[in-house]
Amino acid sequence: MLRLRIGETRLSLEIGRLPATTLDDLERRYAAFAEPDMAAPPGVQPFHLAIRMRPGAPFLPWQAHAALPLRTRRVGRFVLCQTPNEAGCFDLTQRCGRVTLRPTGNVENCLRVLVGWDAAQRGGLLLHASGVLRKEGAFVFFGPSGAGKSTVARLSASWPVLSDDLVLIERMAGGYLACGVPFRGNEWTAPRLNRRAPLAGLLALEQAPHHARLPLHPSAGAARLVAATPFVTTCPHGAATVLASALALTAATPVARLQFRKDKNFWEVLHA
């Protein structure tokens, strides 16, 4: 059994039937997020997932050199996800499910979907974002592909970088926390940092020939957050859940536009 904690999502992965090489890869990949004793607080039930590997045809068609397709949908209390080499089914009420892998499959794609849904149901968001820890707390930089998330992470490498691709925002009793996740982007091999900090800033990235921090109306900020939230917004129920979470988040931590060029002096406008 592999027990993980990703933000406030606790997972118990039944992996004993997987090949030894796959087991070793999973244990290395998620080592920083492992919780051997699974010390969940009272009333918190971990997700129990059965992970199996079975040969067979791809679950989805996929052409070489094309982007990896990932389909998700919700049917009642179940969330279903598929890629060419993985298929997952999660019961959000009973907090259990299964993931079936083809021999070249990777459980991470399905875990991203599950963590995204679980966080959204608690009022949080799993964002396409990079995150940087400073003394004030965590600054989260988000936007569409190509906006500069990985660039910001590289320019900020002298400080702890939560991620260059996905950052988890958790809603807690005392406010919002930004949490690292064990999910890595493709452009820069950022470490999988299992740390969390109070949210200090939400920045919607815009590349420009200058540096500027510009305010956004809360509703416009919420719309940008929804657009940067993958996996959950593919169905009406999920989109409504994410929008409610985003509106509550922007009421507590306003979103600003960050116009920046490719040098680390953008930090000066964030601390002005």
Protein backbone atom coordinates (compact mmCIF):
# COMPACT_ATOMS: atom_id res chain seq x y z
CA MET A 1 0.00 0.00 0.00
CA LEU A 2 1.28 3.45 -0.92
CA ARG A 3 -0.19 6.20 1.26
CA LEU A 4 0.05 9.79 0.07
CA ARG A 5 -1.01 13.22 1.20
CA ILE A 6 -1.34 15.88 -1.51
CA GLY A 7 -2.57 19.07 0.12
CA GLU A 8 -5.60 17.95 2.12
CA THR A 9 -6.29 14.97 -0.15
CA ARG A 10 -5.22 11.68 1.36
CA LEU A 11 -4.80 8.65 -0.87
CA SER A 12 -4.32 4.98 -0.15
CA LEU A 13 -3.07 3.25 -3.30
CA GLU A 14 -3.34 -0.54 -3.50
CA ILE A 15 -0.34 -1.25 -5.74
CA GLY A 16 0.78 -4.74 -4.69
CA ARG A 17 -0.19 -6.34 -8.00
CA LEU A 18 1.89 -4.01 -10.15
CA PRO A 19 5.22 -5.10 -11.69
CA ALA A 20 8.29 -4.47 -9.55
CA THR A 21 9.68 -1.80 -11.89
CA THR A 22 6.39 0.11 -11.76
CA LEU A 23 6.33 -0.14 -7.95
CA ASP A 24 9.85 1.25 -7.71
CA ASP A 25 8.96 4.14 -10.02
CA LEU A 26 5.86 5.03 -8.00
CA GLU A 27 7.72 4.96 -4.70
CA ARG A 28 10.47 7.23 -6.06
CA ARG A 29 8.06 9.58 -7.82
CA TYR A 30 5.89 10.19 -4.77
CA ALA A 31 8.45 9.73 -1.97
CA ALA A 32 8.19 13.35 -0.79
CA PHE A 33 4.40 13.00 -0.41
CA ALA A 34 4.32 9.58 1.27
CA GLU A 35 2.68 9.25 4.69
CA PRO A 36 3.60 5.85 6.15
CA ASP A 37 1.24 6.10 9.13
CA MET A 38 -1.67 7.72 7.24
CA ALA A 39 -2.37 9.92 10.24
CA ALA A 40 -5.63 11.43 8.99
CA PRO A 41 -7.51 13.61 11.48
CA PRO A 42 -10.86 12.43 12.86
CA GLY A 43 -13.60 12.51 10.26
CA VAL A 44 -11.22 12.53 7.27
CA GLN A 45 -11.52 9.45 5.09
CA PRO A 46 -8.69 8.73 2.63
CA PHE A 47 -9.48 7.78 -0.95
CA HIS A 48 -8.81 4.07 -1.43
CA LEU A 49 -7.73 3.30 -4.98
CA ALA A 50 -7.06 -0.12 -6.50
CA ILE A 51 -4.34 0.17 -9.14
CA ARG A 52 -4.13 -2.62 -11.72
CA MET A 53 -2.16 -3.18 -14.90
CA ARG A 54 -3.74 -5.05 -17.78
CA PRO A 55 -2.62 -5.49 -21.40
CA GLY A 56 -5.01 -4.48 -24.15
CA ALA A 57 -5.86 -1.91 -26.75
CA PRO A 58 -5.50 1.80 -25.91
CA PHE A 59 -8.45 3.32 -24.08
CA LEU A 60 -8.35 6.29 -26.47
CA PRO A 61 -6.84 6.69 -29.94
CA TRP A 62 -3.63 8.67 -30.02
CA GLN A 63 -1.33 9.63 -32.85
CA ALA A 64 2.40 9.93 -32.28
CA HIS A 65 3.63 13.49 -31.62
CA ALA A 66 0.09 14.70 -30.87
CA ALA A 67 -0.90 16.09 -27.48
CA LEU A 68 -1.94 13.40 -25.02
CA PRO A 69 -5.76 13.30 -24.92
CA LEU A 70 -7.37 13.23 -21.48
CA ARG A 71 -11.15 12.93 -21.17
CA THR A 72 -13.09 13.39 -17.96
CA ARG A 73 -16.77 13.37 -17.11
CA ARG A 74 -18.99 13.03 -14.08
CA VAL A 75 -21.88 10.59 -13.81
CA GLY A 76 -23.74 11.03 -10.55
CA ARG A 77 -21.26 10.57 -7.74
CA PHE A 78 -18.66 9.06 -10.08
CA VAL A 79 -15.85 10.82 -11.93
CA LEU A 80 -14.46 8.98 -14.95
CA CYS A 81 -11.20 9.76 -16.74
CA GLN A 82 -9.39 8.22 -19.69
CA THR A 83 -6.13 8.67 -21.55
CA PRO A 84 -4.72 6.23 -24.13
CA ASN A 85 -2.95 4.23 -21.40
CA GLU A 86 -4.99 4.89 -18.24
CA ALA A 87 -8.63 4.64 -17.16
CA GLY A 88 -9.94 5.73 -13.78
CA CYS A 89 -13.28 5.61 -12.00
CA PHE A 90 -13.69 7.45 -8.68
CA ASP A 91 -16.63 7.39 -6.28
CA LEU A 92 -16.59 10.85 -4.66
CA THR A 93 -19.11 9.83 -1.99
CA GLN A 94 -17.67 6.49 -0.88
CA ARG A 95 -14.12 7.81 -1.49
CA CYS A 96 -12.89 4.81 -3.39
CA GLY A 97 -12.09 3.89 -6.96
CA ARG A 98 -9.86 2.09 -9.38
CA VAL A 99 -7.26 2.91 -12.01
CA THR A 100 -6.44 0.50 -14.83
CA LEU A 101 -3.10 0.94 -16.58
CA ARG A 102 -1.83 -0.38 -19.86
CA PRO A 103 1.80 -1.56 -19.60
CA THR A 104 3.09 1.91 -20.55
CA GLY A 105 0.55 3.73 -18.38
CA ASN A 106 1.21 6.15 -15.54
CA VAL A 107 -1.17 6.63 -12.63
CA GLU A 108 -0.31 10.33 -12.36
CA ASN A 109 -2.79 11.49 -15.01
CA CYS A 110 -5.70 9.98 -13.10
CA LEU A 111 -4.41 11.27 -9.75
CA ARG A 112 -4.41 14.81 -11.13
CA VAL A 113 -8.10 14.48 -12.00
CA LEU A 114 -9.00 13.06 -8.60
CA VAL A 115 -7.05 15.68 -6.61
CA GLY A 116 -8.62 18.44 -8.73
CA TRP A 117 -12.15 17.22 -7.97
CA ASP A 118 -11.47 16.59 -4.30
CA ALA A 119 -9.99 20.06 -3.79
CA ALA A 120 -12.85 21.78 -5.64
CA GLN A 121 -15.42 20.07 -3.43
CA ARG A 122 -13.68 21.59 -0.38
CA GLY A 123 -13.59 25.08 -1.86
CA GLY A 124 -10.05 24.83 -3.28
CA LEU A 125 -8.57 24.79 -6.77
CA LEU A 126 -5.89 22.81 -8.58
CA LEU A 127 -4.51 25.48 -10.89
CA HIS A 128 -2.32 25.45 -13.98
CA ALA A 129 0.24 27.63 -12.26
CA SER A 130 3.72 28.03 -10.91
CA GLY A 131 4.25 28.82 -7.25
CA VAL A 132 7.13 30.51 -5.44
CA LEU A 133 7.65 30.77 -1.68
CA ARG A 134 8.84 34.09 -0.26
CA LYS A 135 8.89 35.41 3.30
CA GLU A 136 5.39 36.89 2.80
CA GLY A 137 3.99 33.52 1.77
CA ALA A 138 3.25 31.82 -1.53
CA PHE A 139 2.91 33.74 -4.79
CA VAL A 140 0.94 31.82 -7.42
CA PHE A 141 1.36 32.72 -11.10
CA PHE A 142 -1.27 31.29 -13.43
CA GLY A 143 -2.43 31.52 -17.01
CA PRO A 144 -2.89 29.59 -20.24
CA SER A 145 -0.16 27.57 -21.92
CA GLY A 146 2.62 29.88 -23.01
CA ALA A 147 1.76 32.66 -20.53
CA GLY A 148 5.10 32.26 -18.75
CA LYS A 149 4.52 29.96 -15.77
CA SER A 150 7.71 27.95 -16.35
CA THR A 151 9.64 31.15 -17.15
CA VAL A 152 8.61 32.68 -13.81
CA ALA A 153 9.66 29.50 -12.04
CA ARG A 154 13.09 29.50 -13.69
CA LEU A 155 13.63 33.18 -12.93
CA SER A 156 12.69 32.53 -9.29
CA ALA A 157 14.85 29.44 -8.74
CA SER A 158 16.82 31.12 -5.93
CA TRP A 159 13.68 30.72 -3.79
CA PRO A 160 11.70 27.52 -3.13
CA VAL A 161 9.56 26.72 -6.17
CA LEU A 162 6.39 24.77 -5.40
CA SER A 163 5.82 23.84 -9.04
CA ASP A 164 6.23 25.06 -12.60
CA ASP A 165 2.95 23.54 -13.78
CA LEU A 166 0.29 22.84 -11.14
CA VAL A 167 -0.30 24.41 -7.71
CA LEU A 168 -2.99 23.35 -5.26
CA ILE A 169 -4.94 26.06 -3.41
CA GLU A 170 -6.59 24.73 -0.26
CA ARG A 171 -9.34 26.54 1.64
CA MET A 172 -8.68 26.23 5.38
CA ALA A 173 -10.40 27.61 8.47
CA GLY A 174 -7.86 30.43 8.77
CA GLY A 175 -7.58 31.31 5.08
CA TYR A 176 -6.05 29.88 1.93
CA LEU A 177 -2.85 27.87 1.54
CA ALA A 178 -0.82 27.19 -1.59
CA CYS A 179 0.49 23.62 -1.62
CA GLY A 180 3.03 21.79 -3.69
CA VAL A 181 1.92 18.72 -5.63
CA PRO A 182 3.88 15.76 -7.01
CA PHE A 183 2.84 16.61 -10.57
CA ARG A 184 5.54 17.95 -12.84
CA GLY A 185 5.46 20.04 -16.01
CA ASN A 186 7.28 19.19 -19.22
CA GLU A 187 9.34 22.33 -19.84
CA TRP A 188 11.45 22.51 -16.69
CA THR A 189 12.17 19.78 -14.19
CA ALA A 190 11.11 21.61 -11.05
CA PRO A 191 11.49 19.60 -7.84
CA ARG A 192 8.40 18.02 -6.36
CA LEU A 193 8.31 20.20 -3.26
CA ASN A 194 5.97 19.06 -0.49
CA ARG A 195 5.52 22.40 1.23
CA ARG A 196 2.67 24.77 1.88
CA ALA A 197 2.34 28.42 2.84
CA PRO A 198 -0.34 31.08 3.26
CA LEU A 199 -1.38 32.57 -0.05
CA ALA A 200 0.36 35.94 -0.56
CA GLY A 201 -0.62 36.72 -4.13
CA LEU A 202 -2.55 35.52 -7.17
CA LEU A 203 -1.03 36.80 -10.42
CA ALA A 204 -2.57 36.33 -13.87
CA LEU A 205 0.41 36.28 -16.21
CA GLU A 206 0.73 38.45 -19.33
CA GLN A 207 4.02 38.69 -21.22
CA ALA A 208 4.97 42.31 -22.01
CA PRO A 209 8.03 44.50 -22.68
CA HIS A 210 7.76 45.94 -19.16
CA HIS A 211 6.82 44.98 -15.60
CA ALA A 212 3.50 46.08 -14.10
CA ARG A 213 1.03 44.85 -11.52
CA LEU A 214 -2.52 45.86 -12.45
CA PRO A 215 -5.69 45.24 -10.41
CA LEU A 216 -8.51 43.02 -11.63
CA HIS A 217 -12.16 43.17 -10.61
CA PRO A 218 -12.94 40.11 -8.44
CA SER A 219 -15.36 38.67 -11.01
CA ALA A 220 -12.76 39.05 -13.78
CA GLY A 221 -10.16 37.45 -11.54
CA ALA A 222 -12.51 34.57 -10.79
CA ALA A 223 -13.11 34.05 -14.51
CA ARG A 224 -9.38 33.80 -15.12
CA LEU A 225 -9.00 31.31 -12.28
CA VAL A 226 -11.78 29.15 -13.73
CA ALA A 227 -10.05 29.19 -17.11
CA ALA A 228 -6.84 28.01 -15.43
CA THR A 229 -8.50 25.12 -13.57
CA PRO A 230 -8.19 21.86 -15.52
CA PHE A 231 -9.99 18.51 -15.23
CA VAL A 232 -13.03 19.67 -13.21
CA THR A 233 -14.54 22.27 -15.55
CA THR A 234 -15.33 19.75 -18.31
CA CYS A 235 -18.91 19.28 -17.04
CA PRO A 236 -21.58 21.76 -15.82
CA HIS A 237 -21.51 20.50 -12.21
CA GLY A 238 -17.75 20.81 -12.01
CA ALA A 239 -17.71 24.23 -13.66
CA ALA A 240 -20.28 25.55 -11.17
CA THR A 241 -18.28 24.12 -8.26
CA VAL A 242 -15.05 25.72 -9.51
CA LEU A 243 -16.73 29.08 -10.13
CA ALA A 244 -18.07 29.16 -6.55
CA SER A 245 -14.61 28.32 -5.22
CA ALA A 246 -12.98 30.98 -7.42
CA LEU A 247 -15.41 33.71 -6.34
CA ALA A 248 -14.80 32.94 -2.67
CA LEU A 249 -11.05 32.90 -3.27
CA THR A 250 -10.96 36.28 -5.05
CA ALA A 251 -13.03 37.82 -2.25
CA ALA A 252 -10.25 36.85 0.17
CA THR A 253 -7.20 37.27 -2.10
CA PRO A 254 -7.69 39.62 -5.07
CA VAL A 255 -6.20 38.62 -8.41
CA ALA A 256 -3.87 41.04 -10.16
CA ARG A 257 -2.57 41.06 -13.72
CA LEU A 258 1.20 40.70 -13.84
CA GLN A 259 2.71 42.07 -17.01
CA PHE A 260 6.33 40.96 -17.18
CA ARG A 261 9.33 40.56 -19.42
CA LYS A 262 11.81 37.71 -19.09
CA ASP A 263 13.91 38.92 -16.17
CA LYS A 264 13.46 38.51 -12.44
CA ASN A 265 12.91 42.23 -11.83
CA PHE A 266 9.17 41.58 -11.96
CA TRP A 267 9.54 40.86 -8.23
CA GLU A 268 10.13 44.58 -7.69
CA VAL A 269 6.58 45.46 -8.75
CA LEU A 270 5.18 42.71 -6.51
CA HIS A 271 6.91 44.20 -3.49
CA ALA A 272 6.28 47.86 -4.35
